[in-house]
């Protein structure tokens, strides 16, 4: 389990680092706009990420036959 979590964390860092590395001005503007969102909007974005992540995880587990 730990190697899988470490791999997932490494991939997250790689993906999260792409935009600031490739387009720092776009990243800064996007981050600025996010800070202006209301708490409810930020929570909705967080919940949406959780739901999409869980759907993808379940789909991957079904395809791998580990359900």
C-alpha atoms as a PDB file:
ATOM      1  CA  UNK A   1       0.000   0.000   0.000  1.00  0.00           C
ATOM      2  CA  UNK A   2       2.760   2.489   0.872  1.00  0.00           C
ATOM      3  CA  UNK A   3       4.482   2.206  -2.527  1.00  0.00           C
ATOM      4  CA  UNK A   4       1.138   2.948  -4.218  1.00  0.00           C
ATOM      5  CA  UNK A   5       0.524   5.991  -2.009  1.00  0.00           C
ATOM      6  CA  UNK A   6       4.042   7.244  -2.611  1.00  0.00           C
ATOM      7  CA  UNK A   7       3.590   6.834  -6.369  1.00  0.00           C
ATOM      8  CA  UNK A   8       0.263   8.674  -6.237  1.00  0.00           C
ATOM      9  CA  UNK A   9       1.834  11.489  -4.215  1.00  0.00           C
ATOM     10  CA  UNK A  10       4.744  11.741  -6.653  1.00  0.00           C
ATOM     11  CA  UNK A  11       2.372  11.935  -9.625  1.00  0.00           C
ATOM     12  CA  UNK A  12       0.310  14.601  -7.861  1.00  0.00           C
ATOM     13  CA  UNK A  13       3.444  16.701  -7.302  1.00  0.00           C
ATOM     14  CA  UNK A  14       4.505  16.269 -10.926  1.00  0.00           C
ATOM     15  CA  UNK A  15       1.104  17.318 -12.251  1.00  0.00           C
ATOM     16  CA  UNK A  16       0.748  20.187  -9.759  1.00  0.00           C
ATOM     17  CA  UNK A  17       4.175  21.505 -10.723  1.00  0.00           C
ATOM     18  CA  UNK A  18       3.597  21.583 -14.474  1.00  0.00           C
ATOM     19  CA  UNK A  19       1.536  24.775 -14.731  1.00  0.00           C
ATOM     20  CA  UNK A  20       3.742  26.975 -12.523  1.00  0.00           C
ATOM     21  CA  UNK A  21       6.810  25.694 -14.387  1.00  0.00           C
ATOM     22  CA  UNK A  22       5.411  26.069 -17.906  1.00  0.00           C
ATOM     23  CA  UNK A  23       3.257  29.191 -17.470  1.00  0.00           C
ATOM     24  CA  UNK A  24       3.932  31.012 -14.193  1.00  0.00           C
ATOM     25  CA  UNK A  25       1.899  34.091 -15.164  1.00  0.00           C
ATOM     26  CA  UNK A  26      -1.165  31.971 -15.954  1.00  0.00           C
ATOM     27  CA  UNK A  27      -0.707  30.029 -12.708  1.00  0.00           C
ATOM     28  CA  UNK A  28      -0.430  33.242 -10.676  1.00  0.00           C
ATOM     29  CA  UNK A  29      -3.561  34.727 -12.276  1.00  0.00           C
ATOM     30  CA  UNK A  30      -5.497  31.503 -11.782  1.00  0.00           C
ATOM     31  CA  UNK A  31      -4.431  31.313  -8.145  1.00  0.00           C
ATOM     32  CA  UNK A  32      -5.401  34.968  -7.620  1.00  0.00           C
ATOM     33  CA  UNK A  33      -8.863  34.312  -9.074  1.00  0.00           C
ATOM     34  CA  UNK A  34      -9.322  31.252  -6.863  1.00  0.00           C
ATOM     35  CA  UNK A  35      -8.548  33.312  -3.757  1.00  0.00           C
ATOM     36  CA  UNK A  36     -11.443  35.603  -4.688  1.00  0.00           C
ATOM     37  CA  UNK A  37     -14.007  32.771  -4.710  1.00  0.00           C
ATOM     38  CA  UNK A  38     -16.505  32.465  -1.883  1.00  0.00           C
ATOM     39  CA  UNK A  39     -16.078  29.654   0.642  1.00  0.00           C
ATOM     40  CA  UNK A  40     -19.036  27.751  -0.824  1.00  0.00           C
ATOM     41  CA  UNK A  41     -17.523  27.855  -4.305  1.00  0.00           C
ATOM     42  CA  UNK A  42     -14.184  26.576  -3.021  1.00  0.00           C
ATOM     43  CA  UNK A  43     -15.955  23.774  -1.127  1.00  0.00           C
ATOM     44  CA  UNK A  44     -17.844  22.840  -4.303  1.00  0.00           C
ATOM     45  CA  UNK A  45     -14.559  22.638  -6.226  1.00  0.00           C
ATOM     46  CA  UNK A  46     -13.095  20.465  -3.475  1.00  0.00           C
ATOM     47  CA  UNK A  47     -16.141  18.188  -3.395  1.00  0.00           C
ATOM     48  CA  UNK A  48     -16.100  17.903  -7.187  1.00  0.00           C
ATOM     49  CA  UNK A  49     -12.433  16.855  -7.078  1.00  0.00           C
ATOM     50  CA  UNK A  50     -13.190  14.247  -4.422  1.00  0.00           C
ATOM     51  CA  UNK A  51     -16.110  12.789  -6.414  1.00  0.00           C
ATOM     52  CA  UNK A  52     -14.175  12.670  -9.698  1.00  0.00           C
ATOM     53  CA  UNK A  53     -11.173  11.120  -7.960  1.00  0.00           C
ATOM     54  CA  UNK A  54     -13.300   8.432  -6.320  1.00  0.00           C
ATOM     55  CA  UNK A  55     -15.122   7.634  -9.583  1.00  0.00           C
ATOM     56  CA  UNK A  56     -11.779   7.259 -11.374  1.00  0.00           C
ATOM     57  CA  UNK A  57     -10.404   5.119  -8.536  1.00  0.00           C
ATOM     58  CA  UNK A  58     -13.427   2.814  -8.589  1.00  0.00           C
ATOM     59  CA  UNK A  59     -13.250   2.513 -12.372  1.00  0.00           C
ATOM     60  CA  UNK A  60      -9.557   1.626 -12.209  1.00  0.00           C
ATOM     61  CA  UNK A  61     -10.203  -0.995  -9.512  1.00  0.00           C
ATOM     62  CA  UNK A  62     -12.974  -2.591 -11.599  1.00  0.00           C
ATOM     63  CA  UNK A  63     -10.756  -2.745 -14.684  1.00  0.00           C
ATOM     64  CA  UNK A  64      -7.950  -4.256 -12.612  1.00  0.00           C
ATOM     65  CA  UNK A  65     -10.376  -6.789 -11.155  1.00  0.00           C
ATOM     66  CA  UNK A  66      -9.666  -5.913  -7.527  1.00  0.00           C
ATOM     67  CA  UNK A  67     -13.247  -5.182  -6.457  1.00  0.00           C
END
